[in-house]
Amino acid sequence: MDSTLTIEATVSSDGKLVVFTAFARGRAVQCSITRDVLEQYFWAPIGANDARLLKAYTDGHKRIAAAVERKVLRVPDEPISLTATDFSH
């Protein structure tokens, strides 16, 4: 399976998530990744501004896509929320 993530990611209004769309298994899937994950696993500085969070998302594109693919296999019909659990293996 090959997921494609949108480049047009946005930071949620509360600053706790980066929200994006993935195209996986022939459909668009709404996805998000937490600020905490970007700080712990993708080198975003703690308290980073929106631009820096989006840069961490872009820089981690391949690892994030792989996590989305794994999660889509487990929960194919639901939005995907990536948390630290998805990267702690």
C-alpha atoms as a PDB file:
ATOM      1  CA  MET A   1       0.000   0.000   0.000  1.00  0.00           C
ATOM      2  CA  ASP A   2       1.219   3.468  -0.782  1.00  0.00           C
ATOM      3  CA  SER A   3      -0.060   6.522   1.105  1.00  0.00           C
ATOM      4  CA  THR A   4       0.319  10.025  -0.163  1.00  0.00           C
ATOM      5  CA  LEU A   5       0.096  12.841   2.375  1.00  0.00           C
ATOM      6  CA  THR A   6      -1.052  16.302   1.446  1.00  0.00           C
ATOM      7  CA  ILE A   7       1.479  19.041   1.698  1.00  0.00           C
ATOM      8  CA  GLU A   8      -1.257  21.489   2.718  1.00  0.00           C
ATOM      9  CA  ALA A   9      -1.173  20.588   6.390  1.00  0.00           C
ATOM     10  CA  THR A  10      -2.491  23.088   8.933  1.00  0.00           C
ATOM     11  CA  VAL A  11      -2.072  23.615  12.649  1.00  0.00           C
ATOM     12  CA  SER A  12      -5.290  23.316  14.646  1.00  0.00           C
ATOM     13  CA  SER A  13      -6.687  26.477  16.241  1.00  0.00           C
ATOM     14  CA  ASP A  14      -5.559  25.321  19.697  1.00  0.00           C
ATOM     15  CA  GLY A  15      -2.040  24.526  18.402  1.00  0.00           C
ATOM     16  CA  LYS A  16      -2.125  20.924  19.649  1.00  0.00           C
ATOM     17  CA  LEU A  17      -2.397  19.140  16.281  1.00  0.00           C
ATOM     18  CA  VAL A  18      -1.168  19.265  12.729  1.00  0.00           C
ATOM     19  CA  VAL A  19      -4.094  18.274  10.520  1.00  0.00           C
ATOM     20  CA  PHE A  20      -3.645  16.814   7.031  1.00  0.00           C
ATOM     21  CA  THR A  21      -5.204  14.486   4.483  1.00  0.00           C
ATOM     22  CA  ALA A  22      -3.755  11.160   3.401  1.00  0.00           C
ATOM     23  CA  PHE A  23      -4.782   9.268   0.307  1.00  0.00           C
ATOM     24  CA  ALA A  24      -4.603   5.604   1.253  1.00  0.00           C
ATOM     25  CA  ARG A  25      -6.298   2.500  -0.066  1.00  0.00           C
ATOM     26  CA  GLY A  26      -8.028   4.541  -2.750  1.00  0.00           C
ATOM     27  CA  ARG A  27      -9.670   7.102  -0.474  1.00  0.00           C
ATOM     28  CA  ALA A  28      -9.012  10.374   1.306  1.00  0.00           C
ATOM     29  CA  VAL A  29      -8.476   9.973   5.053  1.00  0.00           C
ATOM     30  CA  GLN A  30      -8.540  12.886   7.493  1.00  0.00           C
ATOM     31  CA  CYS A  31      -5.466  12.661   9.725  1.00  0.00           C
ATOM     32  CA  SER A  32      -3.774  14.471  12.549  1.00  0.00           C
ATOM     33  CA  ILE A  33      -0.521  14.229  14.450  1.00  0.00           C
ATOM     34  CA  THR A  34      -0.050  15.700  17.904  1.00  0.00           C
ATOM     35  CA  ARG A  35       2.327  18.494  18.778  1.00  0.00           C
ATOM     36  CA  ASP A  36       3.767  16.158  21.414  1.00  0.00           C
ATOM     37  CA  VAL A  37       4.751  13.611  18.750  1.00  0.00           C
ATOM     38  CA  LEU A  38       6.377  16.277  16.591  1.00  0.00           C
ATOM     39  CA  GLU A  39       8.357  17.462  19.634  1.00  0.00           C
ATOM     40  CA  GLN A  40       9.378  13.967  20.797  1.00  0.00           C
ATOM     41  CA  TYR A  41      10.049  12.202  17.502  1.00  0.00           C
ATOM     42  CA  PHE A  42      10.479  14.861  14.806  1.00  0.00           C
ATOM     43  CA  TRP A  43      12.703  17.476  16.446  1.00  0.00           C
ATOM     44  CA  ALA A  44      10.164  20.272  16.742  1.00  0.00           C
ATOM     45  CA  PRO A  45      11.251  22.526  19.610  1.00  0.00           C
ATOM     46  CA  ILE A  46       8.946  22.574  22.629  1.00  0.00           C
ATOM     47  CA  GLY A  47       6.560  25.485  22.213  1.00  0.00           C
ATOM     48  CA  ALA A  48       7.439  25.849  18.518  1.00  0.00           C
ATOM     49  CA  ASN A  49       5.426  28.251  16.400  1.00  0.00           C
ATOM     50  CA  ASP A  50       3.111  27.019  13.645  1.00  0.00           C
ATOM     51  CA  ALA A  51       5.737  27.368  10.906  1.00  0.00           C
ATOM     52  CA  ARG A  52       8.237  25.208  12.814  1.00  0.00           C
ATOM     53  CA  LEU A  53       5.596  22.541  13.550  1.00  0.00           C
ATOM     54  CA  LEU A  54       4.728  22.376   9.859  1.00  0.00           C
ATOM     55  CA  LYS A  55       8.429  22.092   8.985  1.00  0.00           C
ATOM     56  CA  ALA A  56       8.767  19.133  11.391  1.00  0.00           C
ATOM     57  CA  TYR A  57       5.728  17.533   9.723  1.00  0.00           C
ATOM     58  CA  THR A  58       7.240  18.056   6.262  1.00  0.00           C
ATOM     59  CA  ASP A  59      10.661  16.784   7.339  1.00  0.00           C
ATOM     60  CA  GLY A  60       9.095  13.654   8.856  1.00  0.00           C
ATOM     61  CA  HIS A  61       6.862  12.991   5.864  1.00  0.00           C
ATOM     62  CA  LYS A  62       8.077   9.429   5.173  1.00  0.00           C
ATOM     63  CA  ARG A  63       7.811   8.208   8.768  1.00  0.00           C
ATOM     64  CA  ILE A  64       4.415   9.846   9.177  1.00  0.00           C
ATOM     65  CA  ALA A  65       3.167   8.238   5.933  1.00  0.00           C
ATOM     66  CA  ALA A  66       4.326   4.827   7.159  1.00  0.00           C
ATOM     67  CA  ALA A  67       2.456   5.287  10.452  1.00  0.00           C
ATOM     68  CA  VAL A  68      -0.682   6.340   8.573  1.00  0.00           C
ATOM     69  CA  GLU A  69      -0.440   3.218   6.388  1.00  0.00           C
ATOM     70  CA  ARG A  70      -0.162   0.948   9.438  1.00  0.00           C
ATOM     71  CA  LYS A  71      -3.103   2.613  11.133  1.00  0.00           C
ATOM     72  CA  VAL A  72      -5.312   2.553   8.021  1.00  0.00           C
ATOM     73  CA  LEU A  73      -4.860  -1.223   7.932  1.00  0.00           C
ATOM     74  CA  ARG A  74      -6.120  -1.479  11.538  1.00  0.00           C
ATOM     75  CA  VAL A  75      -8.952   1.084  11.353  1.00  0.00           C
ATOM     76  CA  PRO A  76      -9.808   1.475   7.663  1.00  0.00           C
ATOM     77  CA  ASP A  77     -13.000   3.532   7.986  1.00  0.00           C
ATOM     78  CA  GLU A  78     -12.046   6.089  10.620  1.00  0.00           C
ATOM     79  CA  PRO A  79     -10.035   9.321  10.758  1.00  0.00           C
ATOM     80  CA  ILE A  80      -6.424   8.709  11.780  1.00  0.00           C
ATOM     81  CA  SER A  81      -4.969  10.366  14.878  1.00  0.00           C
ATOM     82  CA  LEU A  82      -1.255   9.744  15.307  1.00  0.00           C
ATOM     83  CA  THR A  83       0.058   9.783  18.861  1.00  0.00           C
ATOM     84  CA  ALA A  84       3.315   8.850  20.573  1.00  0.00           C
ATOM     85  CA  THR A  85       2.182   5.207  20.692  1.00  0.00           C
ATOM     86  CA  ASP A  86       2.395   5.081  16.891  1.00  0.00           C
ATOM     87  CA  PHE A  87       6.114   5.973  16.952  1.00  0.00           C
ATOM     88  CA  SER A  88       7.377   4.330  20.148  1.00  0.00           C
ATOM     89  CA  HIS A  89       8.430   0.989  18.652  1.00  0.00           C
END
